[in-house]
Amino acid sequence: MGEWTVVGTVTLAAVPESVAEARRFAGALLARDPRAETAELLISEACTNSVVHSASRFGGKFTLRLCAAGDALRCEVVDDGSPTVPVRRDGEDGADGELRENGYGVMLIETLADRSGHFLDGGRLCTWFELD
């Protein structure tokens, strides 16, 4: 695959409005890329997780970085971390067996991306995914 080259980076306030801004940023960079729609959806999910679950939501920021290596695209969302890490939650949420209305972001990323994961770096969390 080769070495990753940064295509674009943006740092945004960890507020709900920034999720759409991150999607627009990625859409502009990937305008002619056939993976743009999938990338924008997954970026939206990863950024939403930062806004809703990370310590960044307390007046902090998150960073979206897009990278390329050969034909692969890598998207990274870095935030201020949290006491927990992203985990896949399937289908039902409670003992009553009712389906949840939210919480499917990690499942979408794992399902639609070719590769995905996360790592901690000095307390900051980097959630990443790759599309071939």
C-alpha atoms as a PDB file:
ATOM      1  CA  MET A   1       0.000   0.000   0.000  1.00  0.00           C
ATOM      2  CA  GLY A   2       2.840   2.418   0.676  1.00  0.00           C
ATOM      3  CA  GLU A   3       3.125   5.403   2.939  1.00  0.00           C
ATOM      4  CA  TRP A   4       0.100   7.517   3.834  1.00  0.00           C
ATOM      5  CA  THR A   5      -0.007  11.050   2.436  1.00  0.00           C
ATOM      6  CA  VAL A   6      -2.224  13.597   4.167  1.00  0.00           C
ATOM      7  CA  VAL A   7      -4.830  14.904   1.716  1.00  0.00           C
ATOM      8  CA  GLY A   8      -6.552  17.279   4.137  1.00  0.00           C
ATOM      9  CA  THR A   9      -6.987  18.071   7.815  1.00  0.00           C
ATOM     10  CA  VAL A  10      -9.563  20.141   9.656  1.00  0.00           C
ATOM     11  CA  THR A  11      -9.996  20.803  13.387  1.00  0.00           C
ATOM     12  CA  LEU A  12     -13.490  21.684  14.546  1.00  0.00           C
ATOM     13  CA  ALA A  13     -15.308  22.488  17.781  1.00  0.00           C
ATOM     14  CA  ALA A  14     -16.893  19.369  19.274  1.00  0.00           C
ATOM     15  CA  VAL A  15     -20.473  20.554  18.727  1.00  0.00           C
ATOM     16  CA  PRO A  16     -23.229  18.891  16.665  1.00  0.00           C
ATOM     17  CA  GLU A  17     -22.995  21.486  13.859  1.00  0.00           C
ATOM     18  CA  SER A  18     -19.378  20.500  13.235  1.00  0.00           C
ATOM     19  CA  VAL A  19     -20.396  17.018  12.078  1.00  0.00           C
ATOM     20  CA  ALA A  20     -22.025  18.497   8.952  1.00  0.00           C
ATOM     21  CA  GLU A  21     -19.008  20.770   8.471  1.00  0.00           C
ATOM     22  CA  ALA A  22     -16.660  17.759   8.609  1.00  0.00           C
ATOM     23  CA  ARG A  23     -18.850  15.964   6.052  1.00  0.00           C
ATOM     24  CA  ARG A  24     -18.773  18.985   3.727  1.00  0.00           C
ATOM     25  CA  PHE A  25     -14.981  19.255   4.110  1.00  0.00           C
ATOM     26  CA  ALA A  26     -14.560  15.597   3.145  1.00  0.00           C
ATOM     27  CA  GLY A  27     -17.101  15.894   0.326  1.00  0.00           C
ATOM     28  CA  ALA A  28     -15.169  18.780  -1.232  1.00  0.00           C
ATOM     29  CA  LEU A  29     -11.875  16.859  -1.061  1.00  0.00           C
ATOM     30  CA  LEU A  30     -13.418  13.646  -2.394  1.00  0.00           C
ATOM     31  CA  ALA A  31     -15.763  15.196  -4.974  1.00  0.00           C
ATOM     32  CA  ARG A  32     -14.674  12.899  -7.815  1.00  0.00           C
ATOM     33  CA  ASP A  33     -13.956   9.832  -5.687  1.00  0.00           C
ATOM     34  CA  PRO A  34     -16.474   6.971  -6.022  1.00  0.00           C
ATOM     35  CA  ARG A  35     -16.043   6.268  -2.289  1.00  0.00           C
ATOM     36  CA  ALA A  36     -17.099   9.794  -1.303  1.00  0.00           C
ATOM     37  CA  GLU A  37     -20.638   8.917  -0.199  1.00  0.00           C
ATOM     38  CA  THR A  38     -19.487   6.027   1.994  1.00  0.00           C
ATOM     39  CA  ALA A  39     -16.608   8.074   3.399  1.00  0.00           C
ATOM     40  CA  GLU A  40     -18.939  10.960   4.273  1.00  0.00           C
ATOM     41  CA  LEU A  41     -21.378   8.626   6.056  1.00  0.00           C
ATOM     42  CA  LEU A  42     -18.625   6.989   8.095  1.00  0.00           C
ATOM     43  CA  ILE A  43     -16.967  10.343   8.844  1.00  0.00           C
ATOM     44  CA  SER A  44     -20.319  11.566  10.105  1.00  0.00           C
ATOM     45  CA  GLU A  45     -20.580   8.563  12.428  1.00  0.00           C
ATOM     46  CA  ALA A  46     -17.019   8.904  13.757  1.00  0.00           C
ATOM     47  CA  CYS A  47     -17.366  12.670  14.286  1.00  0.00           C
ATOM     48  CA  THR A  48     -20.718  12.219  16.017  1.00  0.00           C
ATOM     49  CA  ASN A  49     -19.077   9.777  18.435  1.00  0.00           C
ATOM     50  CA  SER A  50     -16.480  12.449  19.267  1.00  0.00           C
ATOM     51  CA  VAL A  51     -19.134  15.108  19.805  1.00  0.00           C
ATOM     52  CA  VAL A  52     -21.403  12.888  21.910  1.00  0.00           C
ATOM     53  CA  HIS A  53     -19.043  10.573  23.817  1.00  0.00           C
ATOM     54  CA  SER A  54     -15.554  12.077  24.110  1.00  0.00           C
ATOM     55  CA  ALA A  55     -14.145  14.569  26.585  1.00  0.00           C
ATOM     56  CA  SER A  56     -13.962  16.963  23.619  1.00  0.00           C
ATOM     57  CA  ARG A  57     -17.683  17.643  24.112  1.00  0.00           C
ATOM     58  CA  PHE A  58     -16.799  19.780  27.146  1.00  0.00           C
ATOM     59  CA  GLY A  59     -15.612  22.754  25.076  1.00  0.00           C
ATOM     60  CA  GLY A  60     -12.917  20.864  23.171  1.00  0.00           C
ATOM     61  CA  LYS A  61     -12.255  20.019  19.545  1.00  0.00           C
ATOM     62  CA  PHE A  62     -11.807  17.064  17.258  1.00  0.00           C
ATOM     63  CA  THR A  63      -9.631  16.697  14.169  1.00  0.00           C
ATOM     64  CA  LEU A  64     -10.538  14.982  10.914  1.00  0.00           C
ATOM     65  CA  ARG A  65      -7.599  13.858   8.779  1.00  0.00           C
ATOM     66  CA  LEU A  66      -7.913  12.295   5.314  1.00  0.00           C
ATOM     67  CA  CYS A  67      -4.953  10.342   3.934  1.00  0.00           C
ATOM     68  CA  ALA A  68      -4.226   8.394   0.770  1.00  0.00           C
ATOM     69  CA  ALA A  69      -1.809   5.588  -0.076  1.00  0.00           C
ATOM     70  CA  GLY A  70      -2.041   4.073  -3.542  1.00  0.00           C
ATOM     71  CA  ASP A  71      -5.748   3.419  -4.116  1.00  0.00           C
ATOM     72  CA  ALA A  72      -6.616   3.368  -0.399  1.00  0.00           C
ATOM     73  CA  LEU A  73      -8.274   6.184   1.536  1.00  0.00           C
ATOM     74  CA  ARG A  74      -7.834   6.513   5.310  1.00  0.00           C
ATOM     75  CA  CYS A  75      -9.983   8.732   7.508  1.00  0.00           C
ATOM     76  CA  GLU A  76      -8.997   9.503  11.090  1.00  0.00           C
ATOM     77  CA  VAL A  77     -10.981  11.349  13.749  1.00  0.00           C
ATOM     78  CA  VAL A  78      -8.944  12.374  16.790  1.00  0.00           C
ATOM     79  CA  ASP A  79     -10.563  13.684  19.964  1.00  0.00           C
ATOM     80  CA  ASP A  80      -9.804  14.162  23.666  1.00  0.00           C
ATOM     81  CA  GLY A  81     -10.686  10.560  24.522  1.00  0.00           C
ATOM     82  CA  SER A  82     -13.076   9.248  27.163  1.00  0.00           C
ATOM     83  CA  PRO A  83     -13.154   6.672  29.959  1.00  0.00           C
ATOM     84  CA  THR A  84     -14.388   4.098  27.415  1.00  0.00           C
ATOM     85  CA  VAL A  85     -13.415   3.202  23.850  1.00  0.00           C
ATOM     86  CA  PRO A  86     -15.760   2.701  20.886  1.00  0.00           C
ATOM     87  CA  VAL A  87     -17.463  -0.688  20.856  1.00  0.00           C
ATOM     88  CA  ARG A  88     -19.892  -2.303  18.470  1.00  0.00           C
ATOM     89  CA  ARG A  89     -23.431  -2.522  19.816  1.00  0.00           C
ATOM     90  CA  ASP A  90     -25.766  -4.752  17.866  1.00  0.00           C
ATOM     91  CA  GLY A  91     -29.553  -4.600  17.636  1.00  0.00           C
ATOM     92  CA  GLU A  92     -31.244  -4.685  20.995  1.00  0.00           C
ATOM     93  CA  ASP A  93     -30.356  -2.439  23.900  1.00  0.00           C
ATOM     94  CA  GLY A  94     -32.395  -3.504  26.879  1.00  0.00           C
ATOM     95  CA  ALA A  95     -33.978  -6.423  28.618  1.00  0.00           C
ATOM     96  CA  ASP A  96     -37.258  -5.488  26.930  1.00  0.00           C
ATOM     97  CA  GLY A  97     -35.811  -6.491  23.537  1.00  0.00           C
ATOM     98  CA  GLU A  98     -36.603  -3.124  21.940  1.00  0.00           C
ATOM     99  CA  LEU A  99     -34.400  -1.952  19.087  1.00  0.00           C
ATOM    100  CA  ARG A 100     -32.305   1.114  19.779  1.00  0.00           C
ATOM    101  CA  GLU A 101     -32.730   4.307  17.781  1.00  0.00           C
ATOM    102  CA  ASN A 102     -29.019   5.183  17.945  1.00  0.00           C
ATOM    103  CA  GLY A 103     -25.644   3.667  18.751  1.00  0.00           C
ATOM    104  CA  TYR A 104     -24.972   1.989  15.401  1.00  0.00           C
ATOM    105  CA  GLY A 105     -21.973   4.119  14.369  1.00  0.00           C
ATOM    106  CA  VAL A 106     -19.229   1.609  15.151  1.00  0.00           C
ATOM    107  CA  MET A 107     -21.241  -1.166  13.499  1.00  0.00           C
ATOM    108  CA  LEU A 108     -21.609   0.928  10.321  1.00  0.00           C
ATOM    109  CA  ILE A 109     -17.901   1.726  10.264  1.00  0.00           C
ATOM    110  CA  GLU A 110     -16.902  -1.908  10.805  1.00  0.00           C
ATOM    111  CA  THR A 111     -19.377  -3.109   8.188  1.00  0.00           C
ATOM    112  CA  LEU A 112     -18.757  -0.601   5.387  1.00  0.00           C
ATOM    113  CA  ALA A 113     -15.018   0.059   5.774  1.00  0.00           C
ATOM    114  CA  ASP A 114     -12.378  -2.342   4.484  1.00  0.00           C
ATOM    115  CA  ARG A 115     -10.388  -1.872   7.690  1.00  0.00           C
ATOM    116  CA  SER A 116     -11.114   0.078  10.878  1.00  0.00           C
ATOM    117  CA  GLY A 117     -10.023   0.501  14.443  1.00  0.00           C
ATOM    118  CA  HIS A 118      -8.966   2.917  17.114  1.00  0.00           C
ATOM    119  CA  PHE A 119      -5.967   3.624  19.292  1.00  0.00           C
ATOM    120  CA  LEU A 120      -5.076   5.835  22.226  1.00  0.00           C
ATOM    121  CA  ASP A 121      -2.201   8.284  21.963  1.00  0.00           C
ATOM    122  CA  GLY A 122      -1.391  10.267  25.076  1.00  0.00           C
ATOM    123  CA  GLY A 123      -5.004  10.223  26.248  1.00  0.00           C
ATOM    124  CA  ARG A 124      -6.355  11.234  22.856  1.00  0.00           C
ATOM    125  CA  LEU A 125      -8.443   8.742  20.899  1.00  0.00           C
ATOM    126  CA  CYS A 126      -7.956   8.174  17.175  1.00  0.00           C
ATOM    127  CA  THR A 127     -10.805   6.363  15.430  1.00  0.00           C
ATOM    128  CA  TRP A 128      -9.856   5.390  11.883  1.00  0.00           C
ATOM    129  CA  PHE A 129     -11.188   3.537   8.871  1.00  0.00           C
ATOM    130  CA  GLU A 130      -9.896   2.720   5.422  1.00  0.00           C
ATOM    131  CA  LEU A 131     -11.655   2.315   2.083  1.00  0.00           C
ATOM    132  CA  ASP A 132     -10.024   0.616  -0.899  1.00  0.00           C
END
